[in-house]
């Protein structure tokens, strides 16, 4: 959804960025998904691991601070 939004808003000088916070080892998955399933899910991702809360927070801060 990020790409269509970015294309639509580019004419107004507005940029758009996104992340996949739903795919991580963070708190939302811990109570509902067993560790074995999370490990299996991580193997399906390109970098072979899921992100952690502090990594996603750092990404979001970078997107907010980035002037471009």
Foldseek 3Di string as FASTA:
>chain_A
DQVVVQVVCVVVVDGGDDDCVVLAPEDVCVVPPDPVVNQVSLCPDPVSHGHYPVVVVVVVVCVVPDPD
